[in-house]
Structures are given as C-alpha cells and as structure tokens.
Amino acid sequence: MSTGFLVADDQPVPGTLAVDALTAGGWRRATVDDETEALHRTGLVQVSLSTPLARAARFGREGFWLRLRPATDTPEGESPG
C-alpha cells in the first residue's frame, strides 16, 4: 500500500514514521518506507503488512485502520507512552 502526502510548507526536520496496523490480534507494527521525514515533507509512505488488516469500528466509522506516529522504540503491539 502506498499513500502520497503533499505538505504545504516542507520543513527540513529529520525523523522517521512508524505505522501500526489494526489486525484481528490487535495493533501490529508495519514495515514502512517513509520519504516524508515523518510527514514533514512531501513524498510517499509505503506500508507493508505481514498480517491482514481487520475491519473494525473506530471514531464512529467502520473500516480498516492504520496508526501513524513518530518512530520510537516502543515494542510491537504496545501503545506508546
């Protein structure tokens, strides 16, 4: 899966993006190729999953969910801070 992001004011801020995918077993870390420096620059974010997504209701909407956040050393399946 690839998603393009257009940022109005590109900023030279280093960083990487972590993506978690909601699966039948809960949130799982996905493999990410982030060209956006954690959504600070225009570019592509490519997400690879080893486990299928699970349909779920969140925020009053049914769908498939990805959670994007700045990369940390948080173990897979755990919520950061």
Protein backbone atom coordinates (compact mmCIF):
# COMPACT_ATOMS: atom_id res chain seq x y z
CA MET A 1 0.00 0.00 0.00
CA SER A 2 1.36 3.45 -0.90
CA THR A 3 -0.01 6.80 0.13
CA GLY A 4 1.18 10.18 -1.10
CA PHE A 5 1.30 13.22 1.17
CA LEU A 6 1.55 16.80 -0.02
CA VAL A 7 2.85 19.15 2.66
CA ALA A 8 2.14 22.86 2.20
CA ASP A 9 5.35 24.03 3.88
CA ASP A 10 8.12 21.42 3.56
CA GLN A 11 10.39 21.54 6.60
CA PRO A 12 13.89 20.07 6.80
CA VAL A 13 13.18 18.15 10.02
CA PRO A 14 14.82 14.73 10.32
CA GLY A 15 12.67 11.89 11.56
CA THR A 16 11.01 8.65 10.63
CA LEU A 17 7.46 7.47 10.73
CA ALA A 18 6.13 4.38 12.49
CA VAL A 19 2.92 2.77 11.26
CA ASP A 20 0.81 0.30 13.20
CA ALA A 21 -1.99 -1.67 11.53
CA LEU A 22 -5.11 -2.89 13.30
CA THR A 23 -5.35 -6.67 12.83
CA ALA A 24 -7.54 -9.37 14.38
CA GLY A 25 -4.78 -9.75 17.01
CA GLY A 26 -4.61 -6.03 17.82
CA TRP A 27 -2.20 -3.32 16.68
CA ARG A 28 0.87 -4.65 14.86
CA ARG A 29 3.88 -2.72 13.63
CA ALA A 30 4.11 -2.47 9.84
CA THR A 31 7.23 -2.13 7.71
CA VAL A 32 7.46 1.45 6.41
CA ASP A 33 9.40 3.17 3.64
CA ASP A 34 8.89 6.85 4.53
CA GLU A 35 10.03 9.53 2.07
CA THR A 36 8.29 12.29 4.09
CA GLU A 37 10.60 12.52 7.12
CA ALA A 38 7.67 11.79 9.47
CA LEU A 39 5.16 13.83 7.40
CA HIS A 40 7.36 16.95 7.41
CA ARG A 41 7.99 16.80 3.64
CA THR A 42 6.01 15.96 0.53
CA GLY A 43 6.52 12.33 -0.53
CA LEU A 44 5.33 8.75 -0.46
CA VAL A 45 4.78 6.48 2.51
CA GLN A 46 4.83 2.79 1.58
CA VAL A 47 3.43 0.36 4.14
CA SER A 48 3.98 -3.42 4.06
CA LEU A 49 1.99 -5.74 6.30
CA SER A 50 2.70 -9.36 7.19
CA THR A 51 -0.73 -9.79 8.81
CA PRO A 52 -4.08 -8.94 7.16
CA LEU A 53 -5.94 -5.88 8.36
CA ALA A 54 -9.16 -6.43 10.31
CA ARG A 55 -12.30 -4.36 9.78
CA ALA A 56 -13.23 -2.50 12.96
CA ALA A 57 -15.29 0.43 14.19
CA ARG A 58 -13.24 3.40 15.42
CA PHE A 59 -14.28 7.02 15.89
CA GLY A 60 -17.82 6.14 14.84
CA ARG A 61 -16.70 4.74 11.47
CA GLU A 62 -16.26 1.18 10.22
CA GLY A 63 -13.12 0.49 8.21
CA PHE A 64 -9.50 -0.65 8.17
CA TRP A 65 -7.17 1.38 10.38
CA LEU A 66 -3.55 2.49 10.34
CA ARG A 67 -1.95 4.46 13.16
CA LEU A 68 0.84 6.84 12.10
CA ARG A 69 3.23 8.36 14.63
CA PRO A 70 6.86 9.41 15.05
CA ALA A 71 9.07 6.33 15.30
CA THR A 72 10.14 5.23 18.80
CA ASP A 73 11.49 2.07 20.35
CA THR A 74 8.04 1.01 21.58
CA PRO A 75 7.69 -2.80 21.24
CA GLU A 76 5.26 -4.20 18.68
CA GLY A 77 1.67 -4.34 19.88
CA GLU A 78 2.17 -1.82 22.71
CA SER A 79 0.87 1.70 22.74
CA PRO A 80 3.48 4.43 23.08
CA GLY A 81 3.61 6.45 26.33
